[in-house]
Amino acid sequence: MPDEILIETIDQIGVARLNRPDKLNALNLATMTKLVDALERYDADPEIRCMLLAGDERAFAAGADINEMADATVVDMYLRNQFARWERIKRIQKPIVAAISGYCLGGGCELMMHCDIVIASENARFGQPEINIGVMPGAGGTQRLTRSAGKARAMDMVLTGHMISAHEALGMGLVSRVVPAEHWYREALNVSRELCTKSPLALRLAKESVLKAHETALSEGLEYERKLFYLLFATADQKEGMRAFLEKRPPVYLGK
């Protein structure tokens, strides 16, 4: 059996690629477990600055593996606690860049929404088609999609199972950039390399602050942002970054 997840390190980037091409990278429990384990190892590795998550040209992930759920009972699903793995992804501190080509549906779309910067091929297709098999999104699809795209568009996608194009997803705020089909992975790798030139501590706190905006009122979020901003003035990276700017040279960040 091939590995469900292919991992490699490129420079300071931890790369994880979904590898179930015969299933359009459908997400089963084994795949999700190996993926989360890999992301957590990258998050704990001081040599890794960011992560790149990808599928292949045909699909990022076409959804959950229905074979594991078709005959499950309520007790089976409760004891399986499959969404605990998703909560672990939510706790990843380093930036995650997603490279999306082809189908990004159901659990795949929910996984994409757990990432921080999303680079989509112009051929990518996004959707939450769970309604077509008698269920609904369960890994954040109704919540994150609504916060990004708004109630009307989220209702349309969730209640009809309608798929949208990459450019529609860009207009809804679901993806960061849309690129020509031949550049989907290269552009995501370039963005990851760009992140590696930034202060690791500033990246973590900036990510934390942006995510906080989804969960708090504006006044509370502004106070949280301000405290993290002040906190960075205790870092060597802040001194290096501002000194490099004044000296008109590239900064060298050490994550301290």
C-alpha atoms as a PDB file:
ATOM      1  CA  MET A   1       0.000   0.000   0.000  1.00  0.00           C
ATOM      2  CA  PRO A   2       1.402   3.442  -0.881  1.00  0.00           C
ATOM      3  CA  ASP A   3       1.795   6.038   1.849  1.00  0.00           C
ATOM      4  CA  GLU A   4      -1.369   8.109   2.224  1.00  0.00           C
ATOM      5  CA  ILE A   5       0.805  11.158   2.901  1.00  0.00           C
ATOM      6  CA  LEU A   6       4.053  12.033   1.146  1.00  0.00           C
ATOM      7  CA  ILE A   7       6.304  14.264   3.229  1.00  0.00           C
ATOM      8  CA  GLU A   8       9.501  16.092   2.366  1.00  0.00           C
ATOM      9  CA  THR A   9      11.440  19.154   3.462  1.00  0.00           C
ATOM     10  CA  ILE A  10      12.257  21.823   0.882  1.00  0.00           C
ATOM     11  CA  ASP A  11      14.597  24.417   2.357  1.00  0.00           C
ATOM     12  CA  GLN A  12      12.695  25.447   5.523  1.00  0.00           C
ATOM     13  CA  ILE A  13       9.303  24.312   4.241  1.00  0.00           C
ATOM     14  CA  GLY A  14       7.598  21.189   5.554  1.00  0.00           C
ATOM     15  CA  VAL A  15       5.668  19.688   2.636  1.00  0.00           C
ATOM     16  CA  ALA A  16       2.802  17.210   3.031  1.00  0.00           C
ATOM     17  CA  ARG A  17       1.021  15.847  -0.042  1.00  0.00           C
ATOM     18  CA  LEU A  18      -2.156  13.783   0.029  1.00  0.00           C
ATOM     19  CA  ASN A  19      -1.478  10.577  -1.875  1.00  0.00           C
ATOM     20  CA  ARG A  20      -4.593   8.526  -2.592  1.00  0.00           C
ATOM     21  CA  PRO A  21      -4.909   9.228  -6.333  1.00  0.00           C
ATOM     22  CA  ASP A  22      -7.220   6.265  -6.968  1.00  0.00           C
ATOM     23  CA  LYS A  23      -9.684   7.791  -4.462  1.00  0.00           C
ATOM     24  CA  LEU A  24      -9.181  11.423  -5.515  1.00  0.00           C
ATOM     25  CA  ASN A  25      -7.383  11.863  -2.181  1.00  0.00           C
ATOM     26  CA  ALA A  26     -10.516  11.116  -0.151  1.00  0.00           C
ATOM     27  CA  LEU A  27      -9.838  11.636   3.531  1.00  0.00           C
ATOM     28  CA  ASN A  28     -10.083   8.480   5.633  1.00  0.00           C
ATOM     29  CA  LEU A  29      -9.052   8.170   9.270  1.00  0.00           C
ATOM     30  CA  ALA A  30      -5.603   6.796   8.467  1.00  0.00           C
ATOM     31  CA  THR A  31      -4.894   9.668   6.063  1.00  0.00           C
ATOM     32  CA  MET A  32      -6.049  12.318   8.513  1.00  0.00           C
ATOM     33  CA  THR A  33      -4.040  10.778  11.350  1.00  0.00           C
ATOM     34  CA  LYS A  34      -0.841  10.694   9.295  1.00  0.00           C
ATOM     35  CA  LEU A  35      -1.445  14.208   7.992  1.00  0.00           C
ATOM     36  CA  VAL A  36      -1.983  15.705  11.435  1.00  0.00           C
ATOM     37  CA  ASP A  37       1.017  13.840  12.829  1.00  0.00           C
ATOM     38  CA  ALA A  38       3.187  15.261  10.030  1.00  0.00           C
ATOM     39  CA  LEU A  39       1.929  18.819  10.531  1.00  0.00           C
ATOM     40  CA  GLU A  40       2.540  18.639  14.274  1.00  0.00           C
ATOM     41  CA  ARG A  41       6.100  17.393  13.708  1.00  0.00           C
ATOM     42  CA  TYR A  42       6.726  20.299  11.369  1.00  0.00           C
ATOM     43  CA  ASP A  43       5.199  22.704  13.882  1.00  0.00           C
ATOM     44  CA  ALA A  44       7.587  21.460  16.596  1.00  0.00           C
ATOM     45  CA  ASP A  45      10.682  21.509  14.355  1.00  0.00           C
ATOM     46  CA  PRO A  46      12.633  24.770  14.847  1.00  0.00           C
ATOM     47  CA  GLU A  47      14.161  24.401  11.365  1.00  0.00           C
ATOM     48  CA  ILE A  48      10.738  24.572   9.681  1.00  0.00           C
ATOM     49  CA  ARG A  49       9.307  28.050   9.059  1.00  0.00           C
ATOM     50  CA  CYS A  50       6.034  27.134   7.329  1.00  0.00           C
ATOM     51  CA  MET A  51       4.123  24.212   5.802  1.00  0.00           C
ATOM     52  CA  LEU A  52       2.822  23.456   2.332  1.00  0.00           C
ATOM     53  CA  LEU A  53      -0.190  21.158   1.969  1.00  0.00           C
ATOM     54  CA  ALA A  54      -1.134  19.831  -1.468  1.00  0.00           C
ATOM     55  CA  GLY A  55      -2.863  17.057  -3.344  1.00  0.00           C
ATOM     56  CA  ASP A  56      -2.279  16.338  -7.014  1.00  0.00           C
ATOM     57  CA  GLU A  57      -3.450  17.847 -10.297  1.00  0.00           C
ATOM     58  CA  ARG A  58      -6.795  15.995 -10.311  1.00  0.00           C
ATOM     59  CA  ALA A  59      -7.786  16.667  -6.724  1.00  0.00           C
ATOM     60  CA  PHE A  60      -6.719  18.307  -3.526  1.00  0.00           C
ATOM     61  CA  ALA A  61      -9.252  16.082  -1.763  1.00  0.00           C
ATOM     62  CA  ALA A  62     -12.661  15.079  -3.076  1.00  0.00           C
ATOM     63  CA  GLY A  63     -14.164  14.661   0.388  1.00  0.00           C
ATOM     64  CA  ALA A  64     -14.322  12.117   3.184  1.00  0.00           C
ATOM     65  CA  ASP A  65     -14.016   8.412   2.441  1.00  0.00           C
ATOM     66  CA  ILE A  66     -17.660   7.299   2.416  1.00  0.00           C
ATOM     67  CA  ASN A  67     -16.666   3.629   2.750  1.00  0.00           C
ATOM     68  CA  GLU A  68     -15.766   4.317   6.396  1.00  0.00           C
ATOM     69  CA  MET A  69     -19.094   5.959   7.229  1.00  0.00           C
ATOM     70  CA  ALA A  70     -21.827   4.369   5.134  1.00  0.00           C
ATOM     71  CA  ASP A  71     -22.841   1.756   7.729  1.00  0.00           C
ATOM     72  CA  ALA A  72     -21.759   3.619  10.870  1.00  0.00           C
ATOM     73  CA  THR A  73     -24.109   4.176  13.794  1.00  0.00           C
ATOM     74  CA  VAL A  74     -24.345   7.223  16.023  1.00  0.00           C
ATOM     75  CA  VAL A  75     -22.301   5.364  18.643  1.00  0.00           C
ATOM     76  CA  ASP A  76     -19.691   4.405  16.030  1.00  0.00           C
ATOM     77  CA  MET A  77     -19.265   8.031  14.981  1.00  0.00           C
ATOM     78  CA  TYR A  78     -19.191   9.276  18.558  1.00  0.00           C
ATOM     79  CA  LEU A  79     -16.529   6.800  19.654  1.00  0.00           C
ATOM     80  CA  ARG A  80     -14.499   7.338  16.490  1.00  0.00           C
ATOM     81  CA  ASN A  81     -14.214  11.036  17.399  1.00  0.00           C
ATOM     82  CA  GLN A  82     -12.785  11.779  13.983  1.00  0.00           C
ATOM     83  CA  PHE A  83     -13.065  15.529  14.389  1.00  0.00           C
ATOM     84  CA  ALA A  84     -10.468  15.503  17.174  1.00  0.00           C
ATOM     85  CA  ARG A  85      -7.876  15.375  14.391  1.00  0.00           C
ATOM     86  CA  TRP A  86      -9.289  18.560  12.912  1.00  0.00           C
ATOM     87  CA  GLU A  87      -9.008  20.318  16.269  1.00  0.00           C
ATOM     88  CA  ARG A  88      -5.305  19.446  16.276  1.00  0.00           C
ATOM     89  CA  ILE A  89      -4.870  21.166  12.888  1.00  0.00           C
ATOM     90  CA  LYS A  90      -6.557  24.243  14.337  1.00  0.00           C
ATOM     91  CA  ARG A  91      -3.808  24.397  16.982  1.00  0.00           C
ATOM     92  CA  ILE A  92      -0.943  24.455  14.453  1.00  0.00           C
ATOM     93  CA  GLN A  93       0.945  27.705  15.036  1.00  0.00           C
ATOM     94  CA  LYS A  94       3.058  28.039  11.896  1.00  0.00           C
ATOM     95  CA  PRO A  95       1.497  29.200   8.622  1.00  0.00           C
ATOM     96  CA  ILE A  96       0.032  26.535   6.343  1.00  0.00           C
ATOM     97  CA  VAL A  97      -0.071  27.242   2.604  1.00  0.00           C
ATOM     98  CA  ALA A  98      -2.514  25.146   0.580  1.00  0.00           C
ATOM     99  CA  ALA A  99      -1.924  24.321  -3.091  1.00  0.00           C
ATOM    100  CA  ILE A 100      -5.255  23.424  -4.714  1.00  0.00           C
ATOM    101  CA  SER A 101      -5.833  21.829  -8.101  1.00  0.00           C
ATOM    102  CA  GLY A 102      -8.908  19.978  -9.314  1.00  0.00           C
ATOM    103  CA  TYR A 103     -11.579  18.888  -6.851  1.00  0.00           C
ATOM    104  CA  CYS A 104     -11.684  20.385  -3.365  1.00  0.00           C
ATOM    105  CA  LEU A 105     -14.935  19.078  -1.975  1.00  0.00           C
ATOM    106  CA  GLY A 106     -16.567  18.216   1.338  1.00  0.00           C
ATOM    107  CA  GLY A 107     -13.871  17.348   3.856  1.00  0.00           C
ATOM    108  CA  GLY A 108     -11.291  18.550   1.345  1.00  0.00           C
ATOM    109  CA  CYS A 109     -12.895  21.999   1.269  1.00  0.00           C
ATOM    110  CA  GLU A 110     -13.027  22.006   5.065  1.00  0.00           C
ATOM    111  CA  LEU A 111      -9.350  21.030   5.217  1.00  0.00           C
ATOM    112  CA  MET A 112      -8.515  23.843   2.820  1.00  0.00           C
ATOM    113  CA  MET A 113     -10.365  26.295   5.083  1.00  0.00           C
ATOM    114  CA  HIS A 114      -8.087  25.247   7.963  1.00  0.00           C
ATOM    115  CA  CYS A 115      -5.109  26.560   5.960  1.00  0.00           C
ATOM    116  CA  ASP A 116      -3.875  30.137   6.070  1.00  0.00           C
ATOM    117  CA  ILE A 117      -2.968  31.042   2.478  1.00  0.00           C
ATOM    118  CA  VAL A 118      -4.703  29.211  -0.374  1.00  0.00           C
ATOM    119  CA  ILE A 119      -3.261  29.140  -3.882  1.00  0.00           C
ATOM    120  CA  ALA A 120      -5.789  27.734  -6.358  1.00  0.00           C
ATOM    121  CA  SER A 121      -5.382  26.546  -9.907  1.00  0.00           C
ATOM    122  CA  GLU A 122      -7.846  28.095 -12.316  1.00  0.00           C
ATOM    123  CA  ASN A 123      -9.235  24.560 -12.823  1.00  0.00           C
ATOM    124  CA  ALA A 124     -10.025  24.056  -9.113  1.00  0.00           C
ATOM    125  CA  ARG A 125     -13.596  23.312  -8.054  1.00  0.00           C
ATOM    126  CA  PHE A 126     -14.890  23.855  -4.528  1.00  0.00           C
ATOM    127  CA  GLY A 127     -18.003  22.597  -2.795  1.00  0.00           C
ATOM    128  CA  GLN A 128     -19.758  21.082   0.211  1.00  0.00           C
ATOM    129  CA  PRO A 129     -21.805  18.314  -1.435  1.00  0.00           C
ATOM    130  CA  GLU A 130     -22.598  16.364   1.750  1.00  0.00           C
ATOM    131  CA  ILE A 131     -26.303  17.163   1.327  1.00  0.00           C
ATOM    132  CA  ASN A 132     -26.338  14.862  -1.716  1.00  0.00           C
ATOM    133  CA  ILE A 133     -25.606  11.805   0.459  1.00  0.00           C
ATOM    134  CA  GLY A 134     -28.030  12.588   3.260  1.00  0.00           C
ATOM    135  CA  VAL A 135     -25.741  14.410   5.690  1.00  0.00           C
ATOM    136  CA  MET A 136     -24.200  17.855   6.147  1.00  0.00           C
ATOM    137  CA  PRO A 137     -20.702  19.284   6.661  1.00  0.00           C
ATOM    138  CA  GLY A 138     -19.247  18.286  10.029  1.00  0.00           C
ATOM    139  CA  ALA A 139     -15.647  19.562  10.083  1.00  0.00           C
ATOM    140  CA  GLY A 140     -16.451  23.262  10.051  1.00  0.00           C
ATOM    141  CA  GLY A 141     -18.036  23.588   6.613  1.00  0.00           C
ATOM    142  CA  THR A 142     -21.155  25.416   7.762  1.00  0.00           C
ATOM    143  CA  GLN A 143     -19.181  27.683  10.107  1.00  0.00           C
ATOM    144  CA  ARG A 144     -15.986  28.661   8.304  1.00  0.00           C
ATOM    145  CA  LEU A 145     -17.717  28.885   4.931  1.00  0.00           C
ATOM    146  CA  THR A 146     -20.369  31.223   6.333  1.00  0.00           C
ATOM    147  CA  ARG A 147     -17.752  33.444   7.966  1.00  0.00           C
ATOM    148  CA  SER A 148     -15.798  33.724   4.715  1.00  0.00           C
ATOM    149  CA  ALA A 149     -18.508  33.776   2.053  1.00  0.00           C
ATOM    150  CA  GLY A 150     -21.530  35.089   3.944  1.00  0.00           C
ATOM    151  CA  LYS A 151     -24.879  33.489   4.758  1.00  0.00           C
ATOM    152  CA  ALA A 152     -26.454  33.584   1.286  1.00  0.00           C
ATOM    153  CA  ARG A 153     -23.559  31.959  -0.550  1.00  0.00           C
ATOM    154  CA  ALA A 154     -22.907  29.449   2.222  1.00  0.00           C
ATOM    155  CA  MET A 155     -26.589  28.436   2.216  1.00  0.00           C
ATOM    156  CA  ASP A 156     -26.479  27.971  -1.550  1.00  0.00           C
ATOM    157  CA  MET A 157     -23.396  25.729  -1.431  1.00  0.00           C
ATOM    158  CA  VAL A 158     -24.418  23.744   1.659  1.00  0.00           C
ATOM    159  CA  LEU A 159     -28.109  23.238   0.842  1.00  0.00           C
ATOM    160  CA  THR A 160     -27.739  22.490  -2.877  1.00  0.00           C
ATOM    161  CA  GLY A 161     -24.276  20.927  -2.960  1.00  0.00           C
ATOM    162  CA  HIS A 162     -23.447  23.309  -5.815  1.00  0.00           C
ATOM    163  CA  MET A 163     -19.784  23.487  -6.829  1.00  0.00           C
ATOM    164  CA  ILE A 164     -18.074  26.804  -7.532  1.00  0.00           C
ATOM    165  CA  SER A 165     -15.083  27.740  -9.686  1.00  0.00           C
ATOM    166  CA  ALA A 166     -11.743  29.019  -8.470  1.00  0.00           C
ATOM    167  CA  HIS A 167     -12.594  32.567  -9.514  1.00  0.00           C
ATOM    168  CA  GLU A 168     -15.930  32.382  -7.679  1.00  0.00           C
ATOM    169  CA  ALA A 169     -14.055  31.129  -4.606  1.00  0.00           C
ATOM    170  CA  LEU A 170     -11.653  34.065  -4.924  1.00  0.00           C
ATOM    171  CA  GLY A 171     -14.559  36.488  -5.052  1.00  0.00           C
ATOM    172  CA  MET A 172     -16.025  34.904  -1.905  1.00  0.00           C
ATOM    173  CA  GLY A 173     -12.767  35.152   0.006  1.00  0.00           C
ATOM    174  CA  LEU A 174     -12.253  31.382   0.181  1.00  0.00           C
ATOM    175  CA  VAL A 175      -8.906  31.442  -1.628  1.00  0.00           C
ATOM    176  CA  SER A 176      -6.018  33.895  -1.659  1.00  0.00           C
ATOM    177  CA  ARG A 177      -4.891  33.717  -5.303  1.00  0.00           C
ATOM    178  CA  VAL A 178      -5.920  32.012  -8.543  1.00  0.00           C
ATOM    179  CA  VAL A 179      -3.131  31.075 -10.956  1.00  0.00           C
ATOM    180  CA  PRO A 180      -2.863  29.311 -14.340  1.00  0.00           C
ATOM    181  CA  ALA A 181      -3.232  25.544 -14.120  1.00  0.00           C
ATOM    182  CA  GLU A 182       0.436  24.871 -14.845  1.00  0.00           C
ATOM    183  CA  HIS A 183       1.591  27.082 -11.950  1.00  0.00           C
ATOM    184  CA  TRP A 184      -0.625  25.942  -9.034  1.00  0.00           C
ATOM    185  CA  TYR A 185       2.095  24.089  -7.118  1.00  0.00           C
ATOM    186  CA  ARG A 186       5.004  26.322  -8.100  1.00  0.00           C
ATOM    187  CA  GLU A 187       3.193  29.457  -6.950  1.00  0.00           C
ATOM    188  CA  ALA A 188       2.324  27.859  -3.601  1.00  0.00           C
ATOM    189  CA  LEU A 189       5.964  26.859  -3.189  1.00  0.00           C
ATOM    190  CA  ASN A 190       7.075  30.406  -4.022  1.00  0.00           C
ATOM    191  CA  VAL A 191       4.679  31.829  -1.427  1.00  0.00           C
ATOM    192  CA  SER A 192       6.017  29.351   1.128  1.00  0.00           C
ATOM    193  CA  ARG A 193       9.587  30.429   0.341  1.00  0.00           C
ATOM    194  CA  GLU A 194       8.553  34.061   0.797  1.00  0.00           C
ATOM    195  CA  LEU A 195       7.142  33.245   4.240  1.00  0.00           C
ATOM    196  CA  CYS A 196      10.481  31.689   5.167  1.00  0.00           C
ATOM    197  CA  THR A 197      12.110  35.126   4.806  1.00  0.00           C
ATOM    198  CA  LYS A 198       9.884  36.618   7.524  1.00  0.00           C
ATOM    199  CA  SER A 199      10.317  36.558  11.289  1.00  0.00           C
ATOM    200  CA  PRO A 200       8.997  33.191  12.525  1.00  0.00           C
ATOM    201  CA  LEU A 201       7.691  34.733  15.730  1.00  0.00           C
ATOM    202  CA  ALA A 202       5.937  37.563  13.910  1.00  0.00           C
ATOM    203  CA  LEU A 203       4.362  35.034  11.534  1.00  0.00           C
ATOM    204  CA  ARG A 204       2.978  32.964  14.406  1.00  0.00           C
ATOM    205  CA  LEU A 205       1.533  35.900  16.303  1.00  0.00           C
ATOM    206  CA  ALA A 206       0.129  37.516  13.162  1.00  0.00           C
ATOM    207  CA  LYS A 207      -1.612  34.245  12.251  1.00  0.00           C
ATOM    208  CA  GLU A 208      -2.956  33.961  15.787  1.00  0.00           C
ATOM    209  CA  SER A 209      -4.314  37.495  15.660  1.00  0.00           C
ATOM    210  CA  VAL A 210      -6.038  37.075  12.286  1.00  0.00           C
ATOM    211  CA  LEU A 211      -7.698  33.856  13.454  1.00  0.00           C
ATOM    212  CA  LYS A 212      -8.863  35.650  16.595  1.00  0.00           C
ATOM    213  CA  ALA A 213     -10.848  38.032  14.401  1.00  0.00           C
ATOM    214  CA  HIS A 214     -13.205  35.170  13.503  1.00  0.00           C
ATOM    215  CA  GLU A 215     -14.028  34.510  17.135  1.00  0.00           C
ATOM    216  CA  THR A 216     -14.225  37.889  18.883  1.00  0.00           C
ATOM    217  CA  ALA A 217     -15.898  41.261  18.734  1.00  0.00           C
ATOM    218  CA  LEU A 218     -13.914  44.069  17.103  1.00  0.00           C
ATOM    219  CA  SER A 219     -13.005  45.833  20.358  1.00  0.00           C
ATOM    220  CA  GLU A 220     -11.730  42.609  21.934  1.00  0.00           C
ATOM    221  CA  GLY A 221      -9.849  41.693  18.765  1.00  0.00           C
ATOM    222  CA  LEU A 222      -8.141  45.091  18.605  1.00  0.00           C
ATOM    223  CA  GLU A 223      -7.023  44.768  22.214  1.00  0.00           C
ATOM    224  CA  TYR A 224      -5.651  41.271  21.504  1.00  0.00           C
ATOM    225  CA  GLU A 225      -3.819  42.509  18.392  1.00  0.00           C
ATOM    226  CA  ARG A 226      -2.278  45.404  20.313  1.00  0.00           C
ATOM    227  CA  LYS A 227      -0.892  43.112  23.028  1.00  0.00           C
ATOM    228  CA  LEU A 228       0.710  40.790  20.468  1.00  0.00           C
ATOM    229  CA  PHE A 229       2.174  43.799  18.658  1.00  0.00           C
ATOM    230  CA  TYR A 230       3.795  45.016  21.886  1.00  0.00           C
ATOM    231  CA  LEU A 231       4.999  41.510  22.693  1.00  0.00           C
ATOM    232  CA  LEU A 232       7.081  41.375  19.506  1.00  0.00           C
ATOM    233  CA  PHE A 233       9.211  44.252  20.809  1.00  0.00           C
ATOM    234  CA  ALA A 234      10.708  41.756  23.243  1.00  0.00           C
ATOM    235  CA  THR A 235      12.181  39.744  20.349  1.00  0.00           C
ATOM    236  CA  ALA A 236      15.568  39.907  18.679  1.00  0.00           C
ATOM    237  CA  ASP A 237      13.781  39.555  15.347  1.00  0.00           C
ATOM    238  CA  GLN A 238      12.045  42.912  15.853  1.00  0.00           C
ATOM    239  CA  LYS A 239      15.380  44.603  16.504  1.00  0.00           C
ATOM    240  CA  GLU A 240      16.933  42.884  13.486  1.00  0.00           C
ATOM    241  CA  GLY A 241      14.016  43.695  11.194  1.00  0.00           C
ATOM    242  CA  MET A 242      13.920  47.396  11.990  1.00  0.00           C
ATOM    243  CA  ARG A 243      17.716  47.716  12.015  1.00  0.00           C
ATOM    244  CA  ALA A 244      17.914  46.025   8.611  1.00  0.00           C
ATOM    245  CA  PHE A 245      15.260  48.388   7.268  1.00  0.00           C
ATOM    246  CA  LEU A 246      17.209  51.433   8.431  1.00  0.00           C
ATOM    247  CA  GLU A 247      20.458  50.003   7.083  1.00  0.00           C
ATOM    248  CA  LYS A 248      18.803  49.137   3.761  1.00  0.00           C
ATOM    249  CA  ARG A 249      19.744  45.430   3.830  1.00  0.00           C
ATOM    250  CA  PRO A 250      17.807  42.171   3.955  1.00  0.00           C
ATOM    251  CA  PRO A 251      17.026  41.044   7.517  1.00  0.00           C
ATOM    252  CA  VAL A 252      18.320  37.769   8.938  1.00  0.00           C
ATOM    253  CA  TYR A 253      15.715  36.373  11.293  1.00  0.00           C
ATOM    254  CA  LEU A 254      16.573  33.725  13.876  1.00  0.00           C
ATOM    255  CA  GLY A 255      13.202  33.228  15.475  1.00  0.00           C
ATOM    256  CA  LYS A 256      14.315  34.689  18.806  1.00  0.00           C
END
